[in-house]
Amino acid sequence: MMQCGWVNKDSYAQLPYFEAEQLKKIRQVLPGKTFYNYCVMSKAERLAVAPQIFGDQHKIAFEQQELCIQTLPLVKLTMTAFVQGEEEIVVGDILTCKLVVEYLML
């Protein structure tokens, strides 16, 4: 899914209108947010930060990005490990692993 991965290894570059300047701005506007965090934000939250990142072109950039984000295979994966009927896990217990896959854009 990475476009131009050999040029810019930033995951935000997968979305249209993310050039070097916008990549720098998003790190300042949303410090600590990953590409995944950005994509699972609500549409209203992304629209609120778009002018700070894209300036005058924010409406065009936002519309194109929304189209792209709708096609991404965003998945939330949750795993739990437990022993039925026990509070603690010790050697010799039979461990049950539960894996839940939730498709966010389905």
PDB file of N, CA and C in Angstrom:
ATOM      1  N   MET A   1       0.817  -1.195   0.000  1.00  0.00           N
ATOM      2  CA  MET A   1       0.000   0.000   0.000  1.00  0.00           C
ATOM      3  C   MET A   1       0.861   1.259   0.000  1.00  0.00           C
ATOM      4  N   MET A   2       2.128   1.139   0.366  1.00  0.00           N
ATOM      5  CA  MET A   2       3.002   2.320   0.409  1.00  0.00           C
ATOM      6  C   MET A   2       3.250   2.823  -1.000  1.00  0.00           C
ATOM      7  N   GLN A   3       2.998   4.098  -1.221  1.00  0.00           N
ATOM      8  CA  GLN A   3       3.344   4.698  -2.502  1.00  0.00           C
ATOM      9  C   GLN A   3       4.652   5.451  -2.342  1.00  0.00           C
ATOM     10  N   CYS A   4       5.518   5.294  -3.282  1.00  0.00           N
ATOM     11  CA  CYS A   4       6.845   5.937  -3.259  1.00  0.00           C
ATOM     12  C   CYS A   4       7.605   5.591  -1.977  1.00  0.00           C
ATOM     13  N   GLY A   5       7.512   4.373  -1.521  1.00  0.00           N
ATOM     14  CA  GLY A   5       8.172   3.944  -0.297  1.00  0.00           C
ATOM     15  C   GLY A   5       9.674   4.082  -0.341  1.00  0.00           C
ATOM     16  N   TRP A   6      10.230   4.077  -1.546  1.00  0.00           N
ATOM     17  CA  TRP A   6      11.672   4.249  -1.677  1.00  0.00           C
ATOM     18  C   TRP A   6      12.074   5.723  -1.580  1.00  0.00           C
ATOM     19  N   VAL A   7      11.116   6.641  -1.729  1.00  0.00           N
ATOM     20  CA  VAL A   7      11.387   8.069  -1.646  1.00  0.00           C
ATOM     21  C   VAL A   7      11.096   8.586  -0.247  1.00  0.00           C
ATOM     22  N   ASN A   8       9.914   8.302   0.261  1.00  0.00           N
ATOM     23  CA  ASN A   8       9.501   8.783   1.572  1.00  0.00           C
ATOM     24  C   ASN A   8       8.922   7.616   2.359  1.00  0.00           C
ATOM     25  N   LYS A   9       9.565   7.232   3.420  1.00  0.00           N
ATOM     26  CA  LYS A   9       9.162   6.060   4.182  1.00  0.00           C
ATOM     27  C   LYS A   9       8.100   6.354   5.238  1.00  0.00           C
ATOM     28  N   ASP A  10       7.608   7.583   5.297  1.00  0.00           N
ATOM     29  CA  ASP A  10       6.572   7.953   6.254  1.00  0.00           C
ATOM     30  C   ASP A  10       5.251   7.332   5.819  1.00  0.00           C
ATOM     31  N   SER A  11       4.556   6.678   6.732  1.00  0.00           N
ATOM     32  CA  SER A  11       3.313   5.996   6.386  1.00  0.00           C
ATOM     33  C   SER A  11       2.214   6.957   5.951  1.00  0.00           C
ATOM     34  N   TYR A  12       2.247   8.205   6.407  1.00  0.00           N
ATOM     35  CA  TYR A  12       1.248   9.188   5.976  1.00  0.00           C
ATOM     36  C   TYR A  12       1.339   9.452   4.475  1.00  0.00           C
ATOM     37  N   ALA A  13       2.470   9.170   3.856  1.00  0.00           N
ATOM     38  CA  ALA A  13       2.648   9.401   2.424  1.00  0.00           C
ATOM     39  C   ALA A  13       1.753   8.503   1.585  1.00  0.00           C
ATOM     40  N   GLN A  14       1.075   7.545   2.211  1.00  0.00           N
ATOM     41  CA  GLN A  14       0.130   6.701   1.493  1.00  0.00           C
ATOM     42  C   GLN A  14      -1.111   7.484   1.071  1.00  0.00           C
ATOM     43  N   LEU A  15      -1.380   8.583   1.759  1.00  0.00           N
ATOM     44  CA  LEU A  15      -2.551   9.392   1.454  1.00  0.00           C
ATOM     45  C   LEU A  15      -2.186  10.516   0.496  1.00  0.00           C
ATOM     46  N   PRO A  16      -3.123  10.898  -0.378  1.00  0.00           N
ATOM     47  CA  PRO A  16      -2.834  11.995  -1.300  1.00  0.00           C
ATOM     48  C   PRO A  16      -2.618  13.319  -0.574  1.00  0.00           C
ATOM     49  N   TYR A  17      -1.839  14.180  -1.176  1.00  0.00           N
ATOM     50  CA  TYR A  17      -1.544  15.543  -0.706  1.00  0.00           C
ATOM     51  C   TYR A  17      -0.597  15.588   0.493  1.00  0.00           C
ATOM     52  N   PHE A  18      -0.023  14.482   0.900  1.00  0.00           N
ATOM     53  CA  PHE A  18       0.975  14.508   1.971  1.00  0.00           C
ATOM     54  C   PHE A  18       2.361  14.595   1.344  1.00  0.00           C
ATOM     55  N   GLU A  19       2.863  15.818   1.263  1.00  0.00           N
ATOM     56  CA  GLU A  19       4.215  16.082   0.784  1.00  0.00           C
ATOM     57  C   GLU A  19       5.100  16.301   2.019  1.00  0.00           C
ATOM     58  N   ALA A  20       6.362  16.620   1.814  1.00  0.00           N
ATOM     59  CA  ALA A  20       7.304  16.788   2.921  1.00  0.00           C
ATOM     60  C   ALA A  20       6.827  17.834   3.925  1.00  0.00           C
ATOM     61  N   GLU A  21       6.290  18.943   3.433  1.00  0.00           N
ATOM     62  CA  GLU A  21       5.829  20.013   4.318  1.00  0.00           C
ATOM     63  C   GLU A  21       4.643  19.562   5.175  1.00  0.00           C
ATOM     64  N   GLN A  22       3.696  18.861   4.560  1.00  0.00           N
ATOM     65  CA  GLN A  22       2.523  18.382   5.299  1.00  0.00           C
ATOM     66  C   GLN A  22       2.901  17.283   6.292  1.00  0.00           C
ATOM     67  N   LEU A  23       3.884  16.472   5.935  1.00  0.00           N
ATOM     68  CA  LEU A  23       4.343  15.429   6.860  1.00  0.00           C
ATOM     69  C   LEU A  23       4.934  16.061   8.122  1.00  0.00           C
ATOM     70  N   LYS A  24       5.634  17.156   7.955  1.00  0.00           N
ATOM     71  CA  LYS A  24       6.202  17.861   9.097  1.00  0.00           C
ATOM     72  C   LYS A  24       5.090  18.489   9.945  1.00  0.00           C
ATOM     73  N   LYS A  25       4.104  19.089   9.273  1.00  0.00           N
ATOM     74  CA  LYS A  25       3.013  19.755   9.984  1.00  0.00           C
ATOM     75  C   LYS A  25       2.155  18.778  10.780  1.00  0.00           C
ATOM     76  N   ILE A  26       1.879  17.599  10.225  1.00  0.00           N
ATOM     77  CA  ILE A  26       1.011  16.658  10.944  1.00  0.00           C
ATOM     78  C   ILE A  26       1.681  16.156  12.218  1.00  0.00           C
ATOM     79  N   ARG A  27       2.995  16.063  12.206  1.00  0.00           N
ATOM     80  CA  ARG A  27       3.726  15.657  13.418  1.00  0.00           C
ATOM     81  C   ARG A  27       3.613  16.727  14.508  1.00  0.00           C
ATOM     82  N   GLN A  28       3.471  17.979  14.097  1.00  0.00           N
ATOM     83  CA  GLN A  28       3.313  19.071  15.061  1.00  0.00           C
ATOM     84  C   GLN A  28       1.868  19.185  15.534  1.00  0.00           C
ATOM     85  N   VAL A  29       0.916  19.034  14.616  1.00  0.00           N
ATOM     86  CA  VAL A  29      -0.504  19.182  14.946  1.00  0.00           C
ATOM     87  C   VAL A  29      -1.016  17.981  15.738  1.00  0.00           C
ATOM     88  N   LEU A  30      -0.588  16.786  15.364  1.00  0.00           N
ATOM     89  CA  LEU A  30      -1.021  15.554  16.038  1.00  0.00           C
ATOM     90  C   LEU A  30       0.197  14.778  16.546  1.00  0.00           C
ATOM     91  N   PRO A  31       0.876  15.301  17.564  1.00  0.00           N
ATOM     92  CA  PRO A  31       2.089  14.603  18.047  1.00  0.00           C
ATOM     93  C   PRO A  31       1.749  13.227  18.626  1.00  0.00           C
ATOM     94  N   GLY A  32       2.520  12.255  18.227  1.00  0.00           N
ATOM     95  CA  GLY A  32       2.338  10.907  18.756  1.00  0.00           C
ATOM     96  C   GLY A  32       1.275  10.081  18.050  1.00  0.00           C
ATOM     97  N   LYS A  33       0.522  10.667  17.134  1.00  0.00           N
ATOM     98  CA  LYS A  33      -0.512   9.916  16.406  1.00  0.00           C
ATOM     99  C   LYS A  33       0.131   9.168  15.249  1.00  0.00           C
ATOM    100  N   THR A  34      -0.214   7.908  15.124  1.00  0.00           N
ATOM    101  CA  THR A  34       0.279   7.103  14.014  1.00  0.00           C
ATOM    102  C   THR A  34      -0.665   7.237  12.825  1.00  0.00           C
ATOM    103  N   PHE A  35      -0.258   6.688  11.711  1.00  0.00           N
ATOM    104  CA  PHE A  35      -1.102   6.675  10.520  1.00  0.00           C
ATOM    105  C   PHE A  35      -2.427   5.975  10.822  1.00  0.00           C
ATOM    106  N   TYR A  36      -2.355   4.871  11.522  1.00  0.00           N
ATOM    107  CA  TYR A  36      -3.568   4.133  11.908  1.00  0.00           C
ATOM    108  C   TYR A  36      -4.469   5.006  12.777  1.00  0.00           C
ATOM    109  N   ASN A  37      -3.893   5.679  13.774  1.00  0.00           N
ATOM    110  CA  ASN A  37      -4.679   6.566  14.644  1.00  0.00           C
ATOM    111  C   ASN A  37      -5.367   7.656  13.837  1.00  0.00           C
ATOM    112  N   TYR A  38      -4.663   8.204  12.862  1.00  0.00           N
ATOM    113  CA  TYR A  38      -5.229   9.250  12.012  1.00  0.00           C
ATOM    114  C   TYR A  38      -6.412   8.705  11.213  1.00  0.00           C
ATOM    115  N   CYS A  39      -6.261   7.515  10.662  1.00  0.00           N
ATOM    116  CA  CYS A  39      -7.311   6.935   9.824  1.00  0.00           C
ATOM    117  C   CYS A  39      -8.553   6.536  10.622  1.00  0.00           C
ATOM    118  N   VAL A  40      -8.397   6.165  11.886  1.00  0.00           N
ATOM    119  CA  VAL A  40      -9.564   5.776  12.683  1.00  0.00           C
ATOM    120  C   VAL A  40     -10.194   6.961  13.419  1.00  0.00           C
ATOM    121  N   MET A  41      -9.595   8.152  13.284  1.00  0.00           N
ATOM    122  CA  MET A  41     -10.242   9.349  13.820  1.00  0.00           C
ATOM    123  C   MET A  41     -11.561   9.554  13.078  1.00  0.00           C
ATOM    124  N   SER A  42     -12.493  10.252  13.696  1.00  0.00           N
ATOM    125  CA  SER A  42     -13.755  10.529  13.008  1.00  0.00           C
ATOM    126  C   SER A  42     -13.500  11.515  11.874  1.00  0.00           C
ATOM    127  N   LYS A  43     -14.405  11.514  10.925  1.00  0.00           N
ATOM    128  CA  LYS A  43     -14.286  12.418   9.779  1.00  0.00           C
ATOM    129  C   LYS A  43     -14.242  13.879  10.251  1.00  0.00           C
ATOM    130  N   ALA A  44     -15.047  14.203  11.255  1.00  0.00           N
ATOM    131  CA  ALA A  44     -15.083  15.569  11.788  1.00  0.00           C
ATOM    132  C   ALA A  44     -13.754  15.959  12.426  1.00  0.00           C
ATOM    133  N   GLU A  45     -13.106  15.019  13.119  1.00  0.00           N
ATOM    134  CA  GLU A  45     -11.810  15.295  13.749  1.00  0.00           C
ATOM    135  C   GLU A  45     -10.741  15.558  12.692  1.00  0.00           C
ATOM    136  N   ARG A  46     -10.752  14.759  11.616  1.00  0.00           N
ATOM    137  CA  ARG A  46      -9.777  14.969  10.532  1.00  0.00           C
ATOM    138  C   ARG A  46     -10.031  16.295   9.823  1.00  0.00           C
ATOM    139  N   LEU A  47     -11.311  16.641   9.640  1.00  0.00           N
ATOM    140  CA  LEU A  47     -11.650  17.905   8.992  1.00  0.00           C
ATOM    141  C   LEU A  47     -11.202  19.094   9.835  1.00  0.00           C
ATOM    142  N   ALA A  48     -11.264  18.963  11.158  1.00  0.00           N
ATOM    143  CA  ALA A  48     -10.864  20.059  12.052  1.00  0.00           C
ATOM    144  C   ALA A  48      -9.372  20.377  11.954  1.00  0.00           C
ATOM    145  N   VAL A  49      -8.537  19.362  11.719  1.00  0.00           N
ATOM    146  CA  VAL A  49      -7.091  19.601  11.641  1.00  0.00           C
ATOM    147  C   VAL A  49      -6.596  19.833  10.213  1.00  0.00           C
ATOM    148  N   ALA A  50      -7.439  19.579   9.225  1.00  0.00           N
ATOM    149  CA  ALA A  50      -7.032  19.713   7.820  1.00  0.00           C
ATOM    150  C   ALA A  50      -6.514  21.112   7.469  1.00  0.00           C
ATOM    151  N   PRO A  51      -7.167  22.218   7.895  1.00  0.00           N
ATOM    152  CA  PRO A  51      -6.632  23.543   7.539  1.00  0.00           C
ATOM    153  C   PRO A  51      -5.236  23.803   8.109  1.00  0.00           C
ATOM    154  N   GLN A  52      -4.942  23.250   9.278  1.00  0.00           N
ATOM    155  CA  GLN A  52      -3.627  23.444   9.890  1.00  0.00           C
ATOM    156  C   GLN A  52      -2.545  22.685   9.128  1.00  0.00           C
ATOM    157  N   ILE A  53      -2.929  21.588   8.486  1.00  0.00           N
ATOM    158  CA  ILE A  53      -1.955  20.759   7.779  1.00  0.00           C
ATOM    159  C   ILE A  53      -1.826  21.168   6.315  1.00  0.00           C
ATOM    160  N   PHE A  54      -2.949  21.426   5.648  1.00  0.00           N
ATOM    161  CA  PHE A  54      -2.948  21.650   4.201  1.00  0.00           C
ATOM    162  C   PHE A  54      -3.182  23.092   3.784  1.00  0.00           C
ATOM    163  N   GLY A  55      -3.501  23.957   4.725  1.00  0.00           N
ATOM    164  CA  GLY A  55      -3.693  25.365   4.390  1.00  0.00           C
ATOM    165  C   GLY A  55      -4.900  25.598   3.499  1.00  0.00           C
ATOM    166  N   ASP A  56      -4.715  26.409   2.446  1.00  0.00           N
ATOM    167  CA  ASP A  56      -5.821  26.795   1.557  1.00  0.00           C
ATOM    168  C   ASP A  56      -6.413  25.624   0.780  1.00  0.00           C
ATOM    169  N   GLN A  57      -5.629  24.589   0.523  1.00  0.00           N
ATOM    170  CA  GLN A  57      -6.097  23.428  -0.247  1.00  0.00           C
ATOM    171  C   GLN A  57      -6.785  22.381   0.623  1.00  0.00           C
ATOM    172  N   HIS A  58      -7.100  22.712   1.847  1.00  0.00           N
ATOM    173  CA  HIS A  58      -7.558  21.671   2.770  1.00  0.00           C
ATOM    174  C   HIS A  58      -8.844  20.980   2.329  1.00  0.00           C
ATOM    175  N   LYS A  59      -9.753  21.657   1.643  1.00  0.00           N
ATOM    176  CA  LYS A  59     -11.004  21.018   1.223  1.00  0.00           C
ATOM    177  C   LYS A  59     -10.755  19.955   0.156  1.00  0.00           C
ATOM    178  N   ILE A  60      -9.930  20.284  -0.812  1.00  0.00           N
ATOM    179  CA  ILE A  60      -9.611  19.332  -1.878  1.00  0.00           C
ATOM    180  C   ILE A  60      -8.840  18.140  -1.296  1.00  0.00           C
ATOM    181  N   ALA A  61      -7.828  18.433  -0.489  1.00  0.00           N
ATOM    182  CA  ALA A  61      -7.019  17.374   0.121  1.00  0.00           C
ATOM    183  C   ALA A  61      -7.879  16.487   1.004  1.00  0.00           C
ATOM    184  N   PHE A  62      -8.755  17.088   1.797  1.00  0.00           N
ATOM    185  CA  PHE A  62      -9.600  16.324   2.710  1.00  0.00           C
ATOM    186  C   PHE A  62     -10.517  15.373   1.948  1.00  0.00           C
ATOM    187  N   GLU A  63     -11.155  15.854   0.889  1.00  0.00           N
ATOM    188  CA  GLU A  63     -12.068  15.011   0.110  1.00  0.00           C
ATOM    189  C   GLU A  63     -11.342  13.822  -0.507  1.00  0.00           C
ATOM    190  N   GLN A  64     -10.164  14.064  -1.067  1.00  0.00           N
ATOM    191  CA  GLN A  64      -9.393  12.987  -1.686  1.00  0.00           C
ATOM    192  C   GLN A  64      -8.915  11.973  -0.647  1.00  0.00           C
ATOM    193  N   GLN A  65      -8.502  12.469   0.512  1.00  0.00           N
ATOM    194  CA  GLN A  65      -8.052  11.566   1.569  1.00  0.00           C
ATOM    195  C   GLN A  65      -9.190  10.716   2.108  1.00  0.00           C
ATOM    196  N   GLU A  66     -10.364  11.294   2.237  1.00  0.00           N
ATOM    197  CA  GLU A  66     -11.511  10.531   2.728  1.00  0.00           C
ATOM    198  C   GLU A  66     -11.842   9.381   1.785  1.00  0.00           C
ATOM    199  N   LEU A  67     -11.749   9.629   0.496  1.00  0.00           N
ATOM    200  CA  LEU A  67     -11.983   8.555  -0.471  1.00  0.00           C
ATOM    201  C   LEU A  67     -10.961   7.438  -0.302  1.00  0.00           C
ATOM    202  N   CYS A  68      -9.722   7.819  -0.067  1.00  0.00           N
ATOM    203  CA  CYS A  68      -8.648   6.836   0.115  1.00  0.00           C
ATOM    204  C   CYS A  68      -8.815   6.070   1.432  1.00  0.00           C
ATOM    205  N   ILE A  69      -9.117   6.784   2.514  1.00  0.00           N
ATOM    206  CA  ILE A  69      -9.253   6.157   3.830  1.00  0.00           C
ATOM    207  C   ILE A  69     -10.399   5.142   3.838  1.00  0.00           C
ATOM    208  N   GLN A  70     -11.462   5.424   3.080  1.00  0.00           N
ATOM    209  CA  GLN A  70     -12.599   4.506   3.016  1.00  0.00           C
ATOM    210  C   GLN A  70     -12.223   3.165   2.406  1.00  0.00           C
ATOM    211  N   THR A  71     -11.154   3.122   1.624  1.00  0.00           N
ATOM    212  CA  THR A  71     -10.753   1.877   0.969  1.00  0.00           C
ATOM    213  C   THR A  71      -9.687   1.107   1.742  1.00  0.00           C
ATOM    214  N   LEU A  72      -9.138   1.702   2.794  1.00  0.00           N
ATOM    215  CA  LEU A  72      -8.068   1.039   3.545  1.00  0.00           C
ATOM    216  C   LEU A  72      -8.602  -0.135   4.355  1.00  0.00           C
ATOM    217  N   PRO A  73      -7.833  -1.198   4.449  1.00  0.00           N
ATOM    218  CA  PRO A  73      -8.247  -2.355   5.253  1.00  0.00           C
ATOM    219  C   PRO A  73      -7.907  -2.136   6.733  1.00  0.00           C
ATOM    220  N   LEU A  74      -8.638  -1.236   7.381  1.00  0.00           N
ATOM    221  CA  LEU A  74      -8.368  -0.925   8.785  1.00  0.00           C
ATOM    222  C   LEU A  74      -8.916  -2.024   9.679  1.00  0.00           C
ATOM    223  N   VAL A  75      -8.044  -2.606  10.475  1.00  0.00           N
ATOM    224  CA  VAL A  75      -8.397  -3.744  11.305  1.00  0.00           C
ATOM    225  C   VAL A  75      -7.976  -3.471  12.743  1.00  0.00           C
ATOM    226  N   LYS A  76      -8.862  -3.797  13.675  1.00  0.00           N
ATOM    227  CA  LYS A  76      -8.522  -3.717  15.097  1.00  0.00           C
ATOM    228  C   LYS A  76      -8.394  -5.153  15.595  1.00  0.00           C
ATOM    229  N   LEU A  77      -7.245  -5.460  16.152  1.00  0.00           N
ATOM    230  CA  LEU A  77      -6.938  -6.806  16.611  1.00  0.00           C
ATOM    231  C   LEU A  77      -6.786  -6.802  18.124  1.00  0.00           C
ATOM    232  N   THR A  78      -7.541  -7.666  18.802  1.00  0.00           N
ATOM    233  CA  THR A  78      -7.488  -7.773  20.253  1.00  0.00           C
ATOM    234  C   THR A  78      -7.218  -9.226  20.627  1.00  0.00           C
ATOM    235  N   MET A  79      -6.261  -9.431  21.525  1.00  0.00           N
ATOM    236  CA  MET A  79      -5.951 -10.793  21.961  1.00  0.00           C
ATOM    237  C   MET A  79      -5.959 -10.849  23.473  1.00  0.00           C
ATOM    238  N   THR A  80      -6.567 -11.893  24.000  1.00  0.00           N
ATOM    239  CA  THR A  80      -6.553 -12.144  25.439  1.00  0.00           C
ATOM    240  C   THR A  80      -6.122 -13.586  25.677  1.00  0.00           C
ATOM    241  N   ALA A  81      -5.409 -13.790  26.757  1.00  0.00           N
ATOM    242  CA  ALA A  81      -4.966 -15.133  27.144  1.00  0.00           C
ATOM    243  C   ALA A  81      -5.421 -15.375  28.578  1.00  0.00           C
ATOM    244  N   PHE A  82      -6.025 -16.541  28.827  1.00  0.00           N
ATOM    245  CA  PHE A  82      -6.542 -16.833  30.160  1.00  0.00           C
ATOM    246  C   PHE A  82      -6.649 -18.332  30.372  1.00  0.00           C
ATOM    247  N   VAL A  83      -6.809 -18.702  31.624  1.00  0.00           N
ATOM    248  CA  VAL A  83      -7.071 -20.093  32.010  1.00  0.00           C
ATOM    249  C   VAL A  83      -8.477 -20.101  32.597  1.00  0.00           C
ATOM    250  N   GLN A  84      -9.328 -20.929  32.037  1.00  0.00           N
ATOM    251  CA  GLN A  84     -10.717 -20.965  32.494  1.00  0.00           C
ATOM    252  C   GLN A  84     -10.804 -21.391  33.951  1.00  0.00           C
ATOM    253  N   GLY A  85     -11.538 -20.587  34.711  1.00  0.00           N
ATOM    254  CA  GLY A  85     -11.764 -20.903  36.125  1.00  0.00           C
ATOM    255  C   GLY A  85     -10.610 -20.555  37.041  1.00  0.00           C
ATOM    256  N   GLU A  86      -9.583 -19.901  36.545  1.00  0.00           N
ATOM    257  CA  GLU A  86      -8.418 -19.554  37.362  1.00  0.00           C
ATOM    258  C   GLU A  86      -8.151 -18.057  37.285  1.00  0.00           C
ATOM    259  N   GLU A  87      -7.647 -17.509  38.381  1.00  0.00           N
ATOM    260  CA  GLU A  87      -7.264 -16.096  38.417  1.00  0.00           C
ATOM    261  C   GLU A  87      -5.858 -15.888  37.854  1.00  0.00           C
ATOM    262  N   GLU A  88      -4.967 -16.854  38.118  1.00  0.00           N
ATOM    263  CA  GLU A  88      -3.571 -16.745  37.688  1.00  0.00           C
ATOM    264  C   GLU A  88      -3.224 -17.862  36.717  1.00  0.00           C
ATOM    265  N   ILE A  89      -2.198 -17.601  35.930  1.00  0.00           N
ATOM    266  CA  ILE A  89      -1.696 -18.610  34.997  1.00  0.00           C
ATOM    267  C   ILE A  89      -0.408 -19.176  35.573  1.00  0.00           C
ATOM    268  N   VAL A  90      -0.350 -20.498  35.713  1.00  0.00           N
ATOM    269  CA  VAL A  90       0.849 -21.159  36.239  1.00  0.00           C
ATOM    270  C   VAL A  90       1.263 -22.275  35.284  1.00  0.00           C
ATOM    271  N   VAL A  91       2.466 -22.799  35.501  1.00  0.00           N
ATOM    272  CA  VAL A  91       2.995 -23.874  34.669  1.00  0.00           C
ATOM    273  C   VAL A  91       2.054 -25.079  34.742  1.00  0.00           C
ATOM    274  N   GLY A  92       1.772 -25.643  33.591  1.00  0.00           N
ATOM    275  CA  GLY A  92       0.923 -26.816  33.524  1.00  0.00           C
ATOM    276  C   GLY A  92      -0.534 -26.501  33.214  1.00  0.00           C
ATOM    277  N   ASP A  93      -0.930 -25.232  33.303  1.00  0.00           N
ATOM    278  CA  ASP A  93      -2.308 -24.852  32.976  1.00  0.00           C
ATOM    279  C   ASP A  93      -2.532 -24.920  31.469  1.00  0.00           C
ATOM    280  N   ILE A  94      -3.770 -25.138  31.085  1.00  0.00           N
ATOM    281  CA  ILE A  94      -4.142 -25.094  29.682  1.00  0.00           C
ATOM    282  C   ILE A  94      -4.583 -23.668  29.379  1.00  0.00           C
ATOM    283  N   LEU A  95      -3.795 -23.019  28.553  1.00  0.00           N
ATOM    284  CA  LEU A  95      -4.004 -21.613  28.237  1.00  0.00           C
ATOM    285  C   LEU A  95      -4.962 -21.480  27.054  1.00  0.00           C
ATOM    286  N   THR A  96      -5.927 -20.613  27.199  1.00  0.00           N
ATOM    287  CA  THR A  96      -6.858 -20.315  26.108  1.00  0.00           C
ATOM    288  C   THR A  96      -6.512 -18.931  25.571  1.00  0.00           C
ATOM    289  N   CYS A  97      -6.308 -18.857  24.278  1.00  0.00           N
ATOM    290  CA  CYS A  97      -6.028 -17.576  23.623  1.00  0.00           C
ATOM    291  C   CYS A  97      -7.236 -17.208  22.771  1.00  0.00           C
ATOM    292  N   LYS A  98      -7.731 -16.004  22.985  1.00  0.00           N
ATOM    293  CA  LYS A  98      -8.886 -15.514  22.237  1.00  0.00           C
ATOM    294  C   LYS A  98      -8.427 -14.342  21.381  1.00  0.00           C
ATOM    295  N   LEU A  99      -8.623 -14.455  20.087  1.00  0.00           N
ATOM    296  CA  LEU A  99      -8.217 -13.440  19.138  1.00  0.00           C
ATOM    297  C   LEU A  99      -9.467 -12.887  18.461  1.00  0.00           C
ATOM    298  N   VAL A 100      -9.666 -11.565  18.555  1.00  0.00           N
ATOM    299  CA  VAL A 100     -10.830 -10.922  17.954  1.00  0.00           C
ATOM    300  C   VAL A 100     -10.344  -9.959  16.875  1.00  0.00           C
ATOM    301  N   VAL A 101     -10.829 -10.136  15.663  1.00  0.00           N
ATOM    302  CA  VAL A 101     -10.502  -9.282  14.530  1.00  0.00           C
ATOM    303  C   VAL A 101     -11.740  -8.478  14.190  1.00  0.00           C
ATOM    304  N   GLU A 102     -11.614  -7.156  14.225  1.00  0.00           N
ATOM    305  CA  GLU A 102     -12.733  -6.272  13.933  1.00  0.00           C
ATOM    306  C   GLU A 102     -12.359  -5.415  12.729  1.00  0.00           C
ATOM    307  N   TYR A 103     -13.128  -5.534  11.658  1.00  0.00           N
ATOM    308  CA  TYR A 103     -12.893  -4.730  10.452  1.00  0.00           C
ATOM    309  C   TYR A 103     -13.646  -3.416  10.628  1.00  0.00           C
ATOM    310  N   LEU A 104     -12.911  -2.299  10.677  1.00  0.00           N
ATOM    311  CA  LEU A 104     -13.501  -1.016  11.007  1.00  0.00           C
ATOM    312  C   LEU A 104     -14.257  -0.374   9.848  1.00  0.00           C
ATOM    313  N   MET A 105     -13.894  -0.643   8.630  1.00  0.00           N
ATOM    314  CA  MET A 105     -14.536   0.009   7.482  1.00  0.00           C
ATOM    315  C   MET A 105     -15.453  -0.926   6.714  1.00  0.00           C
ATOM    316  N   LEU A 106     -15.846  -2.015   7.308  1.00  0.00           N
ATOM    317  CA  LEU A 106     -16.668  -2.989   6.620  1.00  0.00           C
ATOM    318  C   LEU A 106     -18.124  -2.645   6.756  1.00  0.00           C
TER     319      LEU A 106
END
